[in-house]
C-alpha atoms as a PDB file:
ATOM      1  CA  MET A   1      -3.105 -25.149 -16.784  1.00  0.00           C
ATOM      2  CA  THR A   2      -1.626 -22.437 -18.297  1.00  0.00           C
ATOM      3  CA  GLN A   3       1.839 -20.884 -18.727  1.00  0.00           C
ATOM      4  CA  ASP A   4       3.903 -18.677 -20.831  1.00  0.00           C
ATOM      5  CA  GLN A   5       7.647 -19.449 -19.169  1.00  0.00           C
ATOM      6  CA  PRO A   6       8.782 -22.445 -17.523  1.00  0.00           C
ATOM      7  CA  LEU A   7       8.067 -23.150 -13.823  1.00  0.00           C
ATOM      8  CA  GLN A   8       8.766 -25.772 -11.218  1.00  0.00           C
ATOM      9  CA  VAL A   9       6.071 -26.789  -8.998  1.00  0.00           C
ATOM     10  CA  VAL A  10       7.308 -29.252  -6.297  1.00  0.00           C
ATOM     11  CA  GLN A  11       5.245 -30.663  -3.178  1.00  0.00           C
ATOM     12  CA  ILE A  12       7.071 -29.522   0.599  1.00  0.00           C
ATOM     13  CA  GLY A  13       8.463 -32.594   2.045  1.00  0.00           C
ATOM     14  CA  GLU A  14       7.254 -33.381   5.570  1.00  0.00           C
ATOM     15  CA  SER A  15      10.770 -32.806   6.817  1.00  0.00           C
ATOM     16  CA  GLU A  16      11.587 -29.675   4.626  1.00  0.00           C
ATOM     17  CA  LYS A  17      12.535 -26.882   6.866  1.00  0.00           C
ATOM     18  CA  ILE A  18      10.235 -23.794   6.061  1.00  0.00           C
ATOM     19  CA  PRO A  19      11.123 -19.845   7.029  1.00  0.00           C
ATOM     20  CA  LEU A  20      10.411 -19.253  10.603  1.00  0.00           C
ATOM     21  CA  SER A  21       8.268 -16.556  10.070  1.00  0.00           C
ATOM     22  CA  ALA A  22       6.082 -18.804   8.138  1.00  0.00           C
ATOM     23  CA  ARG A  23       6.219 -21.819  10.392  1.00  0.00           C
ATOM     24  CA  PHE A  24       5.391 -19.402  13.483  1.00  0.00           C
ATOM     25  CA  LEU A  25       2.266 -18.248  11.274  1.00  0.00           C
ATOM     26  CA  LEU A  26       1.320 -21.921  10.393  1.00  0.00           C
ATOM     27  CA  TRP A  27       1.227 -22.839  13.756  1.00  0.00           C
ATOM     28  CA  LEU A  28      -0.591 -20.072  15.260  1.00  0.00           C
ATOM     29  CA  THR A  29      -3.242 -20.534  12.487  1.00  0.00           C
ATOM     30  CA  LYS A  30      -3.555 -24.534  13.242  1.00  0.00           C
ATOM     31  CA  LYS A  31      -3.641 -23.604  16.920  1.00  0.00           C
ATOM     32  CA  ARG A  32      -6.651 -21.232  16.084  1.00  0.00           C
ATOM     33  CA  GLY A  33      -8.311 -24.039  14.308  1.00  0.00           C
ATOM     34  CA  ARG A  34      -8.455 -21.798  10.964  1.00  0.00           C
ATOM     35  CA  SER A  35      -8.509 -23.276   7.631  1.00  0.00           C
ATOM     36  CA  GLY A  36      -6.965 -21.517   4.841  1.00  0.00           C
ATOM     37  CA  LEU A  37      -3.980 -20.217   2.557  1.00  0.00           C
ATOM     38  CA  LEU A  38      -0.421 -19.497   3.668  1.00  0.00           C
ATOM     39  CA  PHE A  39       1.438 -17.594   1.315  1.00  0.00           C
ATOM     40  CA  HIS A  40       5.319 -16.868   1.556  1.00  0.00           C
ATOM     41  CA  CYS A  41       7.358 -15.390  -1.139  1.00  0.00           C
ATOM     42  CA  ALA A  42      11.250 -15.103  -1.003  1.00  0.00           C
ATOM     43  CA  MET A  43      11.451 -12.004  -2.982  1.00  0.00           C
ATOM     44  CA  ARG A  44      14.727 -10.018  -3.004  1.00  0.00           C
ATOM     45  CA  ASP A  45      15.364  -6.412  -3.435  1.00  0.00           C
ATOM     46  CA  SER A  46      17.534  -5.635  -6.435  1.00  0.00           C
ATOM     47  CA  PHE A  47      20.904  -3.322  -5.403  1.00  0.00           C
ATOM     48  CA  ARG A  48      19.756  -1.730  -9.070  1.00  0.00           C
ATOM     49  CA  SER A  49      17.072   0.916  -9.060  1.00  0.00           C
ATOM     50  CA  VAL A  50      15.436  -0.670 -11.973  1.00  0.00           C
ATOM     51  CA  THR A  51      15.668  -4.071 -13.269  1.00  0.00           C
ATOM     52  CA  LEU A  52      13.539  -6.052 -15.961  1.00  0.00           C
ATOM     53  CA  LYS A  53      13.169  -9.177 -13.118  1.00  0.00           C
ATOM     54  CA  TRP A  54      10.934  -7.614 -11.270  1.00  0.00           C
ATOM     55  CA  SER A  55       7.682  -9.341 -10.513  1.00  0.00           C
ATOM     56  CA  ILE A  56       4.381  -9.351  -9.003  1.00  0.00           C
ATOM     57  CA  VAL A  57       3.504 -12.906  -7.244  1.00  0.00           C
ATOM     58  CA  SER A  58      -0.016 -13.421  -6.383  1.00  0.00           C
ATOM     59  CA  VAL A  59      -2.691 -15.894  -5.442  1.00  0.00           C
ATOM     60  CA  GLU A  60      -6.044 -15.802  -6.841  1.00  0.00           C
ATOM     61  CA  ARG A  61      -9.448 -17.298  -6.360  1.00  0.00           C
ATOM     62  CA  GLU A  62     -12.195 -17.195  -9.136  1.00  0.00           C
ATOM     63  CA  GLY A  63     -10.542 -13.983 -10.497  1.00  0.00           C
ATOM     64  CA  GLU A  64     -10.251 -12.311  -7.231  1.00  0.00           C
ATOM     65  CA  THR A  65      -6.689 -11.444  -5.923  1.00  0.00           C
ATOM     66  CA  LEU A  66      -6.431 -13.309  -2.551  1.00  0.00           C
ATOM     67  CA  CYS A  67      -2.600 -12.095  -1.584  1.00  0.00           C
ATOM     68  CA  GLU A  68       0.217 -10.552  -3.855  1.00  0.00           C
ATOM     69  CA  MET A  69       3.602  -9.305  -3.166  1.00  0.00           C
ATOM     70  CA  THR A  70       5.648  -6.987  -5.048  1.00  0.00           C
ATOM     71  CA  GLY A  71       9.164  -5.352  -4.631  1.00  0.00           C
ATOM     72  CA  THR A  72       7.589  -2.770  -2.430  1.00  0.00           C
ATOM     73  CA  THR A  73       5.389  -4.278  -0.320  1.00  0.00           C
ATOM     74  CA  ILE A  74       6.515  -6.039   3.434  1.00  0.00           C
ATOM     75  CA  LYS A  75       8.442  -9.342   2.892  1.00  0.00           C
ATOM     76  CA  ARG A  76       6.174 -11.599   5.523  1.00  0.00           C
ATOM     77  CA  PRO A  77       4.106 -14.728   5.047  1.00  0.00           C
ATOM     78  CA  MET A  78       0.340 -13.864   4.556  1.00  0.00           C
ATOM     79  CA  PHE A  79      -2.755 -15.862   5.888  1.00  0.00           C
ATOM     80  CA  VAL A  80      -5.893 -15.785   3.763  1.00  0.00           C
ATOM     81  CA  LYS A  81      -9.140 -17.289   5.457  1.00  0.00           C
ATOM     82  CA  LEU A  82     -10.733 -19.771   3.267  1.00  0.00           C
ATOM     83  CA  PRO A  83     -13.905 -22.050   4.416  1.00  0.00           C
ATOM     84  CA  PRO A  84     -13.593 -25.744   4.071  1.00  0.00           C
ATOM     85  CA  GLY A  85     -14.504 -27.137   0.634  1.00  0.00           C
ATOM     86  CA  PRO A  86     -13.157 -27.348  -2.722  1.00  0.00           C
ATOM     87  CA  HIS A  87     -11.432 -24.466  -4.202  1.00  0.00           C
ATOM     88  CA  GLU A  88      -9.609 -23.494  -7.578  1.00  0.00           C
ATOM     89  CA  LEU A  89      -6.473 -21.297  -6.829  1.00  0.00           C
ATOM     90  CA  THR A  90      -4.529 -19.447  -9.684  1.00  0.00           C
ATOM     91  CA  PHE A  91      -0.697 -19.039  -8.898  1.00  0.00           C
ATOM     92  CA  ARG A  92       0.628 -16.308 -10.954  1.00  0.00           C
ATOM     93  CA  VAL A  93       3.793 -14.222 -11.600  1.00  0.00           C
ATOM     94  CA  ILE A  94       3.778 -10.857 -13.626  1.00  0.00           C
ATOM     95  CA  ARG A  95       6.776  -9.166 -15.108  1.00  0.00           C
ATOM     96  CA  ALA A  96       7.528  -6.376 -17.354  1.00  0.00           C
ATOM     97  CA  SER A  97       7.553  -8.541 -20.299  1.00  0.00           C
ATOM     98  CA  ARG A  98       3.593 -10.082 -20.314  1.00  0.00           C
ATOM     99  CA  ARG A  99       5.229 -13.208 -22.323  1.00  0.00           C
ATOM    100  CA  LYS A 100       7.806 -14.061 -19.377  1.00  0.00           C
ATOM    101  CA  GLY A 101       5.040 -14.430 -16.484  1.00  0.00           C
ATOM    102  CA  THR A 102       3.846 -17.580 -15.438  1.00  0.00           C
ATOM    103  CA  LEU A 103       0.706 -18.819 -14.676  1.00  0.00           C
ATOM    104  CA  PHE A 104      -1.020 -22.230 -13.307  1.00  0.00           C
ATOM    105  CA  THR A 105      -3.975 -23.678 -11.511  1.00  0.00           C
ATOM    106  CA  LYS A 106      -4.784 -26.180  -8.790  1.00  0.00           C
ATOM    107  CA  LYS A 107      -7.783 -27.544  -7.189  1.00  0.00           C
ATOM    108  CA  ILE A 108      -7.527 -28.102  -3.846  1.00  0.00           C
ATOM    109  CA  ILE A 109     -10.100 -29.538  -0.888  1.00  0.00           C
ATOM    110  CA  LEU A 110      -9.760 -27.946   2.433  1.00  0.00           C
ATOM    111  CA  ARG A 111     -11.248 -29.756   5.670  1.00  0.00           C
ATOM    112  CA  LYS A 112     -12.037 -27.600   8.894  1.00  0.00           C
ATOM    113  CA  GLY A 113      -8.570 -26.600  10.032  1.00  0.00           C
ATOM    114  CA  ASP A 114      -6.622 -27.260   7.069  1.00  0.00           C
ATOM    115  CA  VAL A 115      -4.015 -24.953   5.692  1.00  0.00           C
ATOM    116  CA  PHE A 116      -2.673 -24.930   2.082  1.00  0.00           C
ATOM    117  CA  LEU A 117       1.071 -23.611   1.896  1.00  0.00           C
ATOM    118  CA  ALA A 118       2.222 -22.130  -0.826  1.00  0.00           C
ATOM    119  CA  MET A 119       5.825 -20.750  -1.129  1.00  0.00           C
ATOM    120  CA  CYS A 120       7.280 -19.182  -4.063  1.00  0.00           C
ATOM    121  CA  GLU A 121      10.632 -17.911  -5.265  1.00  0.00           C
ATOM    122  CA  PRO A 122      10.643 -16.200  -8.779  1.00  0.00           C
ATOM    123  CA  ILE A 123      13.313 -15.572 -10.921  1.00  0.00           C
ATOM    124  CA  GLN A 124      14.821 -12.276  -9.573  1.00  0.00           C
ATOM    125  CA  PRO A 125      18.131 -10.372  -9.723  1.00  0.00           C
ATOM    126  CA  ASN A 126      21.228 -12.181  -8.494  1.00  0.00           C
ATOM    127  CA  VAL A 127      22.493 -10.943  -4.906  1.00  0.00           C
ATOM    128  CA  PHE A 128      25.927 -11.533  -3.668  1.00  0.00           C
ATOM    129  CA  TYR A 129      24.746 -14.218  -1.127  1.00  0.00           C
ATOM    130  CA  ARG A 130      22.341 -16.041  -3.601  1.00  0.00           C
ATOM    131  CA  LYS A 131      21.956 -16.777  -7.241  1.00  0.00           C
ATOM    132  CA  SER A 132      18.304 -16.320  -8.796  1.00  0.00           C
ATOM    133  CA  PRO A 133      16.376 -19.998  -9.990  1.00  0.00           C
ATOM    134  CA  GLN A 134      16.526 -20.466 -13.226  1.00  0.00           C
ATOM    135  CA  LYS A 135      12.448 -20.538 -13.073  1.00  0.00           C
ATOM    136  CA  ASP A 136       9.655 -19.394 -11.283  1.00  0.00           C
ATOM    137  CA  THR A 137       9.382 -22.177  -8.297  1.00  0.00           C
ATOM    138  CA  TRP A 138       6.233 -22.687  -6.397  1.00  0.00           C
ATOM    139  CA  LYS A 139       6.412 -25.105  -3.511  1.00  0.00           C
ATOM    140  CA  MET A 140       3.158 -26.323  -1.503  1.00  0.00           C
ATOM    141  CA  ARG A 141       1.470 -28.490   0.653  1.00  0.00           C
ATOM    142  CA  GLN A 142      -1.459 -28.994   2.344  1.00  0.00           C
ATOM    143  CA  VAL A 143      -1.049 -28.993   6.160  1.00  0.00           C
ATOM    144  CA  PRO A 144      -4.064 -30.772   7.998  1.00  0.00           C
ATOM    145  CA  GLY A 145      -5.488 -29.091  11.055  1.00  0.00           C
ATOM    146  CA  PHE A 146      -4.779 -30.340  14.784  1.00  0.00           C
ATOM    147  CA  GLN A 147      -6.842 -33.197  15.504  1.00  0.00           C
ATOM    148  CA  LYS A 148      -8.130 -33.324  19.000  1.00  0.00           C
ATOM    149  CA  GLU A 149      -7.612 -36.621  21.133  1.00  0.00           C
ATOM    150  CA  ILE A 150     -10.566 -38.508  22.051  1.00  0.00           C
ATOM    151  CA  ARG A 151     -10.332 -39.742  25.688  1.00  0.00           C
ATOM    152  CA  ARG A 152     -12.368 -42.554  26.936  1.00  0.00           C
ATOM    153  CA  SER A 153     -13.744 -42.705  30.553  1.00  0.00           C
ATOM    154  CA  ASP A 154     -13.829 -46.311  31.031  1.00  0.00           C
ATOM    155  CA  GLY A 155      -9.675 -46.350  30.924  1.00  0.00           C
ATOM    156  CA  GLY A 156      -9.518 -48.013  27.605  1.00  0.00           C
END
């Protein structure tokens, strides 16, 4: 794990609420039996046109960018299909000053139908309704796929 600035990585609890758009995409993905990465970034736009807190948030695998969000992209959750098996993912936040970015890697193992949920709230400009976190904050959890029940014909 490498990082330039402090960051916070926490496990999403089973009862913790996730944004409605991400929850819907997660439900739809699980219903279709797809396995992969669901990425959501809580990125706010600044009221000022220029700020040193702008950032690019991305998730990469083996040097390839799977998904990213900037101040100019549409703010919606993204799903990236990944095959079942082991994956080493790199979670990155890039800023105007390279020393102020954050980076860490995490190894995951997906089973068929599993979805790895990664949500990020980077350091951002404060807005009147919400203060920016002091550290780039990543919340993650592996969500198992729907398990089909096996019904026995003998009534037992």
